[in-house]
Amino acid sequence: MSSVRLTGQLVCETIEQVRVVEENLPLHTELSRAERGCISFEVARTHDPLVWQVDELFQDAESFAAHQRRVADSEWGRATAGIERRYQVDGLR
């Protein structure tokens, strides 16, 4: 079993999208960190006020897939669906 790491950026186009991230990120982070298999979960602003750095580490592919399923059906997933993601995932086969 190998860990799965997601790194990249969440890229907002507008200040309204930034507000959506700011409003929904605290609960999303709390729920993600509480998931089985979550080793670390960080989303932080970058020097660009429209861009957020995303770094996630999950114990294995199964826990990462469970996270992705939960997020897709979450308030965070619905609220941020239109925001660009530039992610790279390592550790999946």
PDB file of N, CA and C in Angstrom:
ATOM      1  N   MET A   1       0.840  -1.188   0.000  1.00  0.00           N
ATOM      2  CA  MET A   1       0.000   0.000   0.000  1.00  0.00           C
ATOM      3  C   MET A   1       0.878   1.242   0.000  1.00  0.00           C
ATOM      4  N   SER A   2       0.608   2.140  -0.937  1.00  0.00           N
ATOM      5  CA  SER A   2       1.372   3.372  -0.949  1.00  0.00           C
ATOM      6  C   SER A   2       0.438   4.561  -0.755  1.00  0.00           C
ATOM      7  N   SER A   3       1.002   5.618  -0.223  1.00  0.00           N
ATOM      8  CA  SER A   3       0.206   6.817   0.035  1.00  0.00           C
ATOM      9  C   SER A   3      -0.111   7.531  -1.282  1.00  0.00           C
ATOM     10  N   VAL A   4      -1.128   8.387  -1.207  1.00  0.00           N
ATOM     11  CA  VAL A   4      -1.545   9.174  -2.367  1.00  0.00           C
ATOM     12  C   VAL A   4      -1.423  10.641  -1.992  1.00  0.00           C
ATOM     13  N   ARG A   5      -0.726  11.389  -2.839  1.00  0.00           N
ATOM     14  CA  ARG A   5      -0.503  12.814  -2.597  1.00  0.00           C
ATOM     15  C   ARG A   5      -1.115  13.624  -3.744  1.00  0.00           C
ATOM     16  N   LEU A   6      -1.915  14.614  -3.362  1.00  0.00           N
ATOM     17  CA  LEU A   6      -2.455  15.575  -4.319  1.00  0.00           C
ATOM     18  C   LEU A   6      -1.812  16.916  -4.017  1.00  0.00           C
ATOM     19  N   THR A   7      -1.277  17.554  -5.053  1.00  0.00           N
ATOM     20  CA  THR A   7      -0.715  18.895  -4.908  1.00  0.00           C
ATOM     21  C   THR A   7      -1.188  19.735  -6.082  1.00  0.00           C
ATOM     22  N   GLY A   8      -1.272  21.026  -5.857  1.00  0.00           N
ATOM     23  CA  GLY A   8      -1.646  21.913  -6.947  1.00  0.00           C
ATOM     24  C   GLY A   8      -2.325  23.163  -6.453  1.00  0.00           C
ATOM     25  N   GLN A   9      -3.131  23.724  -7.337  1.00  0.00           N
ATOM     26  CA  GLN A   9      -3.764  24.997  -7.015  1.00  0.00           C
ATOM     27  C   GLN A   9      -5.243  25.017  -7.344  1.00  0.00           C
ATOM     28  N   LEU A  10      -5.954  25.754  -6.528  1.00  0.00           N
ATOM     29  CA  LEU A  10      -7.343  26.116  -6.753  1.00  0.00           C
ATOM     30  C   LEU A  10      -7.277  27.560  -7.253  1.00  0.00           C
ATOM     31  N   VAL A  11      -7.763  27.811  -8.467  1.00  0.00           N
ATOM     32  CA  VAL A  11      -7.552  29.106  -9.114  1.00  0.00           C
ATOM     33  C   VAL A  11      -8.895  29.811  -9.328  1.00  0.00           C
ATOM     34  N   CYS A  12      -9.117  30.856  -8.563  1.00  0.00           N
ATOM     35  CA  CYS A  12     -10.349  31.643  -8.683  1.00  0.00           C
ATOM     36  C   CYS A  12     -10.198  32.647  -9.814  1.00  0.00           C
ATOM     37  N   GLU A  13     -11.309  32.954 -10.464  1.00  0.00           N
ATOM     38  CA  GLU A  13     -11.318  33.973 -11.515  1.00  0.00           C
ATOM     39  C   GLU A  13     -11.804  35.320 -10.993  1.00  0.00           C
ATOM     40  N   THR A  14     -12.588  35.292  -9.923  1.00  0.00           N
ATOM     41  CA  THR A  14     -13.211  36.525  -9.423  1.00  0.00           C
ATOM     42  C   THR A  14     -13.116  36.593  -7.898  1.00  0.00           C
ATOM     43  N   ILE A  15     -13.338  37.779  -7.381  1.00  0.00           N
ATOM     44  CA  ILE A  15     -13.385  37.969  -5.930  1.00  0.00           C
ATOM     45  C   ILE A  15     -14.570  37.199  -5.341  1.00  0.00           C
ATOM     46  N   GLU A  16     -15.657  37.082  -6.090  1.00  0.00           N
ATOM     47  CA  GLU A  16     -16.811  36.295  -5.612  1.00  0.00           C
ATOM     48  C   GLU A  16     -16.411  34.837  -5.393  1.00  0.00           C
ATOM     49  N   GLN A  17     -15.624  34.270  -6.294  1.00  0.00           N
ATOM     50  CA  GLN A  17     -15.149  32.902  -6.098  1.00  0.00           C
ATOM     51  C   GLN A  17     -14.242  32.810  -4.871  1.00  0.00           C
ATOM     52  N   VAL A  18     -13.426  33.823  -4.636  1.00  0.00           N
ATOM     53  CA  VAL A  18     -12.585  33.857  -3.438  1.00  0.00           C
ATOM     54  C   VAL A  18     -13.473  33.816  -2.198  1.00  0.00           C
ATOM     55  N   ARG A  19     -14.538  34.588  -2.200  1.00  0.00           N
ATOM     56  CA  ARG A  19     -15.467  34.590  -1.051  1.00  0.00           C
ATOM     57  C   ARG A  19     -16.089  33.224  -0.837  1.00  0.00           C
ATOM     58  N   VAL A  20     -16.426  32.540  -1.918  1.00  0.00           N
ATOM     59  CA  VAL A  20     -16.988  31.187  -1.815  1.00  0.00           C
ATOM     60  C   VAL A  20     -15.983  30.258  -1.142  1.00  0.00           C
ATOM     61  N   VAL A  21     -14.725  30.336  -1.561  1.00  0.00           N
ATOM     62  CA  VAL A  21     -13.679  29.508  -0.940  1.00  0.00           C
ATOM     63  C   VAL A  21     -13.549  29.867   0.539  1.00  0.00           C
ATOM     64  N   GLU A  22     -13.452  31.143   0.844  1.00  0.00           N
ATOM     65  CA  GLU A  22     -13.286  31.580   2.235  1.00  0.00           C
ATOM     66  C   GLU A  22     -14.446  31.106   3.119  1.00  0.00           C
ATOM     67  N   GLU A  23     -15.657  31.158   2.602  1.00  0.00           N
ATOM     68  CA  GLU A  23     -16.834  30.772   3.384  1.00  0.00           C
ATOM     69  C   GLU A  23     -16.919  29.263   3.610  1.00  0.00           C
ATOM     70  N   ASN A  24     -16.503  28.493   2.627  1.00  0.00           N
ATOM     71  CA  ASN A  24     -16.684  27.042   2.688  1.00  0.00           C
ATOM     72  C   ASN A  24     -15.455  26.258   3.113  1.00  0.00           C
ATOM     73  N   LEU A  25     -14.289  26.879   3.083  1.00  0.00           N
ATOM     74  CA  LEU A  25     -13.051  26.159   3.372  1.00  0.00           C
ATOM     75  C   LEU A  25     -12.931  25.651   4.808  1.00  0.00           C
ATOM     76  N   PRO A  26     -13.314  26.407   5.831  1.00  0.00           N
ATOM     77  CA  PRO A  26     -13.120  25.895   7.192  1.00  0.00           C
ATOM     78  C   PRO A  26     -13.804  24.543   7.448  1.00  0.00           C
ATOM     79  N   LEU A  27     -15.065  24.402   7.064  1.00  0.00           N
ATOM     80  CA  LEU A  27     -15.765  23.128   7.272  1.00  0.00           C
ATOM     81  C   LEU A  27     -15.182  22.041   6.380  1.00  0.00           C
ATOM     82  N   HIS A  28     -14.861  22.381   5.141  1.00  0.00           N
ATOM     83  CA  HIS A  28     -14.267  21.404   4.229  1.00  0.00           C
ATOM     84  C   HIS A  28     -12.959  20.858   4.808  1.00  0.00           C
ATOM     85  N   THR A  29     -12.134  21.745   5.334  1.00  0.00           N
ATOM     86  CA  THR A  29     -10.867  21.325   5.926  1.00  0.00           C
ATOM     87  C   THR A  29     -11.102  20.439   7.149  1.00  0.00           C
ATOM     88  N   GLU A  30     -12.005  20.852   8.013  1.00  0.00           N
ATOM     89  CA  GLU A  30     -12.309  20.068   9.216  1.00  0.00           C
ATOM     90  C   GLU A  30     -12.788  18.664   8.855  1.00  0.00           C
ATOM     91  N   LEU A  31     -13.724  18.575   7.935  1.00  0.00           N
ATOM     92  CA  LEU A  31     -14.264  17.269   7.546  1.00  0.00           C
ATOM     93  C   LEU A  31     -13.209  16.406   6.857  1.00  0.00           C
ATOM     94  N   SER A  32     -12.388  17.021   6.020  1.00  0.00           N
ATOM     95  CA  SER A  32     -11.346  16.273   5.305  1.00  0.00           C
ATOM     96  C   SER A  32     -10.309  15.718   6.274  1.00  0.00           C
ATOM     97  N   ARG A  33      -9.874  16.535   7.211  1.00  0.00           N
ATOM     98  CA  ARG A  33      -8.867  16.076   8.180  1.00  0.00           C
ATOM     99  C   ARG A  33      -9.394  14.964   9.080  1.00  0.00           C
ATOM    100  N   ALA A  34     -10.707  14.905   9.262  1.00  0.00           N
ATOM    101  CA  ALA A  34     -11.316  13.881  10.124  1.00  0.00           C
ATOM    102  C   ALA A  34     -11.536  12.557   9.396  1.00  0.00           C
ATOM    103  N   GLU A  35     -11.341  12.524   8.096  1.00  0.00           N
ATOM    104  CA  GLU A  35     -11.585  11.305   7.329  1.00  0.00           C
ATOM    105  C   GLU A  35     -10.557  10.225   7.656  1.00  0.00           C
ATOM    106  N   ARG A  36     -11.018   8.984   7.613  1.00  0.00           N
ATOM    107  CA  ARG A  36     -10.119   7.850   7.797  1.00  0.00           C
ATOM    108  C   ARG A  36      -9.073   7.877   6.685  1.00  0.00           C
ATOM    109  N   GLY A  37      -7.833   7.783   7.054  1.00  0.00           N
ATOM    110  CA  GLY A  37      -6.755   7.729   6.079  1.00  0.00           C
ATOM    111  C   GLY A  37      -6.160   9.066   5.687  1.00  0.00           C
ATOM    112  N   CYS A  38      -6.722  10.161   6.188  1.00  0.00           N
ATOM    113  CA  CYS A  38      -6.155  11.483   5.881  1.00  0.00           C
ATOM    114  C   CYS A  38      -4.932  11.700   6.777  1.00  0.00           C
ATOM    115  N   ILE A  39      -3.779  11.847   6.175  1.00  0.00           N
ATOM    116  CA  ILE A  39      -2.545  12.099   6.907  1.00  0.00           C
ATOM    117  C   ILE A  39      -2.335  13.598   7.068  1.00  0.00           C
ATOM    118  N   SER A  40      -2.553  14.344   5.983  1.00  0.00           N
ATOM    119  CA  SER A  40      -2.477  15.806   6.066  1.00  0.00           C
ATOM    120  C   SER A  40      -3.370  16.407   4.993  1.00  0.00           C
ATOM    121  N   PHE A  41      -3.850  17.616   5.302  1.00  0.00           N
ATOM    122  CA  PHE A  41      -4.753  18.328   4.391  1.00  0.00           C
ATOM    123  C   PHE A  41      -4.555  19.811   4.624  1.00  0.00           C
ATOM    124  N   GLU A  42      -3.989  20.508   3.640  1.00  0.00           N
ATOM    125  CA  GLU A  42      -3.690  21.938   3.770  1.00  0.00           C
ATOM    126  C   GLU A  42      -4.148  22.681   2.526  1.00  0.00           C
ATOM    127  N   VAL A  43      -4.846  23.777   2.728  1.00  0.00           N
ATOM    128  CA  VAL A  43      -5.211  24.693   1.648  1.00  0.00           C
ATOM    129  C   VAL A  43      -4.847  26.083   2.149  1.00  0.00           C
ATOM    130  N   ALA A  44      -3.960  26.761   1.432  1.00  0.00           N
ATOM    131  CA  ALA A  44      -3.457  28.060   1.893  1.00  0.00           C
ATOM    132  C   ALA A  44      -3.392  29.041   0.733  1.00  0.00           C
ATOM    133  N   ARG A  45      -3.609  30.299   1.063  1.00  0.00           N
ATOM    134  CA  ARG A  45      -3.476  31.362   0.066  1.00  0.00           C
ATOM    135  C   ARG A  45      -2.026  31.450  -0.401  1.00  0.00           C
ATOM    136  N   THR A  46      -1.873  31.860  -1.639  1.00  0.00           N
ATOM    137  CA  THR A  46      -0.537  32.115  -2.172  1.00  0.00           C
ATOM    138  C   THR A  46      -0.339  33.631  -2.232  1.00  0.00           C
ATOM    139  N   HIS A  47       0.750  34.061  -2.819  1.00  0.00           N
ATOM    140  CA  HIS A  47       0.992  35.495  -2.991  1.00  0.00           C
ATOM    141  C   HIS A  47      -0.057  36.126  -3.913  1.00  0.00           C
ATOM    142  N   ASP A  48      -0.673  35.316  -4.756  1.00  0.00           N
ATOM    143  CA  ASP A  48      -1.747  35.780  -5.642  1.00  0.00           C
ATOM    144  C   ASP A  48      -3.074  35.600  -4.901  1.00  0.00           C
ATOM    145  N   PRO A  49      -3.832  36.659  -4.648  1.00  0.00           N
ATOM    146  CA  PRO A  49      -5.060  36.551  -3.853  1.00  0.00           C
ATOM    147  C   PRO A  49      -6.154  35.697  -4.489  1.00  0.00           C
ATOM    148  N   LEU A  50      -5.988  35.314  -5.753  1.00  0.00           N
ATOM    149  CA  LEU A  50      -6.980  34.468  -6.417  1.00  0.00           C
ATOM    150  C   LEU A  50      -6.587  32.990  -6.430  1.00  0.00           C
ATOM    151  N   VAL A  51      -5.406  32.675  -5.920  1.00  0.00           N
ATOM    152  CA  VAL A  51      -4.877  31.312  -6.013  1.00  0.00           C
ATOM    153  C   VAL A  51      -4.624  30.735  -4.621  1.00  0.00           C
ATOM    154  N   TRP A  52      -5.036  29.501  -4.448  1.00  0.00           N
ATOM    155  CA  TRP A  52      -4.851  28.762  -3.196  1.00  0.00           C
ATOM    156  C   TRP A  52      -3.983  27.540  -3.482  1.00  0.00           C
ATOM    157  N   GLN A  53      -2.989  27.289  -2.641  1.00  0.00           N
ATOM    158  CA  GLN A  53      -2.157  26.093  -2.750  1.00  0.00           C
ATOM    159  C   GLN A  53      -2.849  24.958  -1.997  1.00  0.00           C
ATOM    160  N   VAL A  54      -2.940  23.805  -2.643  1.00  0.00           N
ATOM    161  CA  VAL A  54      -3.617  22.640  -2.062  1.00  0.00           C
ATOM    162  C   VAL A  54      -2.605  21.508  -1.935  1.00  0.00           C
ATOM    163  N   ASP A  55      -2.509  20.933  -0.738  1.00  0.00           N
ATOM    164  CA  ASP A  55      -1.630  19.796  -0.484  1.00  0.00           C
ATOM    165  C   ASP A  55      -2.382  18.793   0.378  1.00  0.00           C
ATOM    166  N   GLU A  56      -2.586  17.606  -0.166  1.00  0.00           N
ATOM    167  CA  GLU A  56      -3.299  16.547   0.547  1.00  0.00           C
ATOM    168  C   GLU A  56      -2.444  15.290   0.544  1.00  0.00           C
ATOM    169  N   LEU A  57      -2.497  14.547   1.631  1.00  0.00           N
ATOM    170  CA  LEU A  57      -1.807  13.260   1.707  1.00  0.00           C
ATOM    171  C   LEU A  57      -2.739  12.266   2.373  1.00  0.00           C
ATOM    172  N   PHE A  58      -3.003  11.174   1.662  1.00  0.00           N
ATOM    173  CA  PHE A  58      -3.868  10.121   2.182  1.00  0.00           C
ATOM    174  C   PHE A  58      -3.088   8.822   2.289  1.00  0.00           C
ATOM    175  N   GLN A  59      -3.483   8.015   3.226  1.00  0.00           N
ATOM    176  CA  GLN A  59      -2.792   6.768   3.552  1.00  0.00           C
ATOM    177  C   GLN A  59      -2.691   5.838   2.351  1.00  0.00           C
ATOM    178  N   ASP A  60      -3.747   5.763   1.553  1.00  0.00           N
ATOM    179  CA  ASP A  60      -3.766   4.826   0.440  1.00  0.00           C
ATOM    180  C   ASP A  60      -4.819   5.253  -0.582  1.00  0.00           C
ATOM    181  N   ALA A  61      -4.874   4.521  -1.692  1.00  0.00           N
ATOM    182  CA  ALA A  61      -5.808   4.853  -2.773  1.00  0.00           C
ATOM    183  C   ALA A  61      -7.256   4.754  -2.309  1.00  0.00           C
ATOM    184  N   GLU A  62      -7.554   3.807  -1.459  1.00  0.00           N
ATOM    185  CA  GLU A  62      -8.924   3.630  -0.976  1.00  0.00           C
ATOM    186  C   GLU A  62      -9.390   4.848  -0.172  1.00  0.00           C
ATOM    187  N   SER A  63      -8.561   5.334   0.737  1.00  0.00           N
ATOM    188  CA  SER A  63      -8.958   6.502   1.526  1.00  0.00           C
ATOM    189  C   SER A  63      -9.023   7.761   0.668  1.00  0.00           C
ATOM    190  N   PHE A  64      -8.146   7.877  -0.330  1.00  0.00           N
ATOM    191  CA  PHE A  64      -8.201   9.018  -1.241  1.00  0.00           C
ATOM    192  C   PHE A  64      -9.494   8.972  -2.062  1.00  0.00           C
ATOM    193  N   ALA A  65      -9.856   7.796  -2.556  1.00  0.00           N
ATOM    194  CA  ALA A  65     -11.088   7.654  -3.347  1.00  0.00           C
ATOM    195  C   ALA A  65     -12.316   7.972  -2.497  1.00  0.00           C
ATOM    196  N   ALA A  66     -12.313   7.550  -1.242  1.00  0.00           N
ATOM    197  CA  ALA A  66     -13.432   7.852  -0.343  1.00  0.00           C
ATOM    198  C   ALA A  66     -13.536   9.364  -0.137  1.00  0.00           C
ATOM    199  N   HIS A  67     -12.411  10.028   0.002  1.00  0.00           N
ATOM    200  CA  HIS A  67     -12.391  11.489   0.135  1.00  0.00           C
ATOM    201  C   HIS A  67     -12.987  12.142  -1.110  1.00  0.00           C
ATOM    202  N   GLN A  68     -12.569  11.706  -2.279  1.00  0.00           N
ATOM    203  CA  GLN A  68     -13.071  12.277  -3.525  1.00  0.00           C
ATOM    204  C   GLN A  68     -14.583  12.092  -3.656  1.00  0.00           C
ATOM    205  N   ARG A  69     -15.087  10.935  -3.268  1.00  0.00           N
ATOM    206  CA  ARG A  69     -16.538  10.691  -3.315  1.00  0.00           C
ATOM    207  C   ARG A  69     -17.279  11.613  -2.360  1.00  0.00           C
ATOM    208  N   ARG A  70     -16.756  11.761  -1.147  1.00  0.00           N
ATOM    209  CA  ARG A  70     -17.424  12.627  -0.171  1.00  0.00           C
ATOM    210  C   ARG A  70     -17.440  14.068  -0.661  1.00  0.00           C
ATOM    211  N   VAL A  71     -16.313  14.526  -1.164  1.00  0.00           N
ATOM    212  CA  VAL A  71     -16.207  15.912  -1.618  1.00  0.00           C
ATOM    213  C   VAL A  71     -17.166  16.176  -2.777  1.00  0.00           C
ATOM    214  N   ALA A  72     -17.291  15.239  -3.698  1.00  0.00           N
ATOM    215  CA  ALA A  72     -18.168  15.430  -4.857  1.00  0.00           C
ATOM    216  C   ALA A  72     -19.612  15.671  -4.446  1.00  0.00           C
ATOM    217  N   ASP A  73     -20.011  15.099  -3.325  1.00  0.00           N
ATOM    218  CA  ASP A  73     -21.396  15.220  -2.867  1.00  0.00           C
ATOM    219  C   ASP A  73     -21.518  16.133  -1.650  1.00  0.00           C
ATOM    220  N   SER A  74     -20.587  17.061  -1.496  1.00  0.00           N
ATOM    221  CA  SER A  74     -20.585  17.934  -0.321  1.00  0.00           C
ATOM    222  C   SER A  74     -20.960  19.361  -0.696  1.00  0.00           C
ATOM    223  N   GLU A  75     -21.235  20.157   0.303  1.00  0.00           N
ATOM    224  CA  GLU A  75     -21.493  21.581   0.079  1.00  0.00           C
ATOM    225  C   GLU A  75     -20.283  22.228  -0.589  1.00  0.00           C
ATOM    226  N   TRP A  76     -19.084  21.882  -0.136  1.00  0.00           N
ATOM    227  CA  TRP A  76     -17.856  22.395  -0.752  1.00  0.00           C
ATOM    228  C   TRP A  76     -17.821  22.049  -2.235  1.00  0.00           C
ATOM    229  N   GLY A  77     -18.081  20.797  -2.550  1.00  0.00           N
ATOM    230  CA  GLY A  77     -18.048  20.354  -3.940  1.00  0.00           C
ATOM    231  C   GLY A  77     -19.020  21.117  -4.812  1.00  0.00           C
ATOM    232  N   ARG A  78     -20.230  21.314  -4.311  1.00  0.00           N
ATOM    233  CA  ARG A  78     -21.243  22.054  -5.078  1.00  0.00           C
ATOM    234  C   ARG A  78     -20.872  23.536  -5.189  1.00  0.00           C
ATOM    235  N   ALA A  79     -20.442  24.141  -4.093  1.00  0.00           N
ATOM    236  CA  ALA A  79     -20.159  25.580  -4.075  1.00  0.00           C
ATOM    237  C   ALA A  79     -18.953  25.946  -4.940  1.00  0.00           C
ATOM    238  N   THR A  80     -17.971  25.056  -5.028  1.00  0.00           N
ATOM    239  CA  THR A  80     -16.730  25.379  -5.738  1.00  0.00           C
ATOM    240  C   THR A  80     -16.606  24.672  -7.085  1.00  0.00           C
ATOM    241  N   ALA A  81     -17.676  24.075  -7.556  1.00  0.00           N
ATOM    242  CA  ALA A  81     -17.628  23.287  -8.798  1.00  0.00           C
ATOM    243  C   ALA A  81     -17.104  24.085  -9.990  1.00  0.00           C
ATOM    244  N   GLY A  82     -17.376  25.379 -10.036  1.00  0.00           N
ATOM    245  CA  GLY A  82     -16.955  26.187 -11.166  1.00  0.00           C
ATOM    246  C   GLY A  82     -15.569  26.790 -11.044  1.00  0.00           C
ATOM    247  N   ILE A  83     -14.857  26.457  -9.973  1.00  0.00           N
ATOM    248  CA  ILE A  83     -13.523  27.020  -9.764  1.00  0.00           C
ATOM    249  C   ILE A  83     -12.478  26.055 -10.327  1.00  0.00           C
ATOM    250  N   GLU A  84     -11.546  26.604 -11.098  1.00  0.00           N
ATOM    251  CA  GLU A  84     -10.525  25.787 -11.753  1.00  0.00           C
ATOM    252  C   GLU A  84      -9.602  25.114 -10.738  1.00  0.00           C
ATOM    253  N   ARG A  85      -9.317  23.861 -11.004  1.00  0.00           N
ATOM    254  CA  ARG A  85      -8.345  23.100 -10.228  1.00  0.00           C
ATOM    255  C   ARG A  85      -7.195  22.708 -11.137  1.00  0.00           C
ATOM    256  N   ARG A  86      -5.991  22.925 -10.631  1.00  0.00           N
ATOM    257  CA  ARG A  86      -4.769  22.499 -11.336  1.00  0.00           C
ATOM    258  C   ARG A  86      -4.042  21.545 -10.412  1.00  0.00           C
ATOM    259  N   TYR A  87      -4.432  20.304 -10.438  1.00  0.00           N
ATOM    260  CA  TYR A  87      -3.929  19.318  -9.479  1.00  0.00           C
ATOM    261  C   TYR A  87      -3.093  18.256 -10.165  1.00  0.00           C
ATOM    262  N   GLN A  88      -2.158  17.734  -9.396  1.00  0.00           N
ATOM    263  CA  GLN A  88      -1.396  16.547  -9.784  1.00  0.00           C
ATOM    264  C   GLN A  88      -1.578  15.535  -8.660  1.00  0.00           C
ATOM    265  N   VAL A  89      -1.847  14.299  -9.015  1.00  0.00           N
ATOM    266  CA  VAL A  89      -2.025  13.245  -8.029  1.00  0.00           C
ATOM    267  C   VAL A  89      -0.942  12.196  -8.252  1.00  0.00           C
ATOM    268  N   ASP A  90      -0.208  11.881  -7.197  1.00  0.00           N
ATOM    269  CA  ASP A  90       0.839  10.864  -7.254  1.00  0.00           C
ATOM    270  C   ASP A  90       0.478   9.732  -6.302  1.00  0.00           C
ATOM    271  N   GLY A  91       0.769   8.517  -6.726  1.00  0.00           N
ATOM    272  CA  GLY A  91       0.553   7.360  -5.869  1.00  0.00           C
ATOM    273  C   GLY A  91      -0.603   6.485  -6.311  1.00  0.00           C
ATOM    274  N   LEU A  92      -1.331   6.905  -7.335  1.00  0.00           N
ATOM    275  CA  LEU A  92      -2.387   6.051  -7.898  1.00  0.00           C
ATOM    276  C   LEU A  92      -1.812   5.255  -9.045  1.00  0.00           C
ATOM    277  N   ARG A  93      -2.335   4.085  -9.223  1.00  0.00           N
ATOM    278  CA  ARG A  93      -1.834   3.243 -10.328  1.00  0.00           C
ATOM    279  C   ARG A  93      -2.729   3.340 -11.509  1.00  0.00           C
TER     280      ARG A  93
END
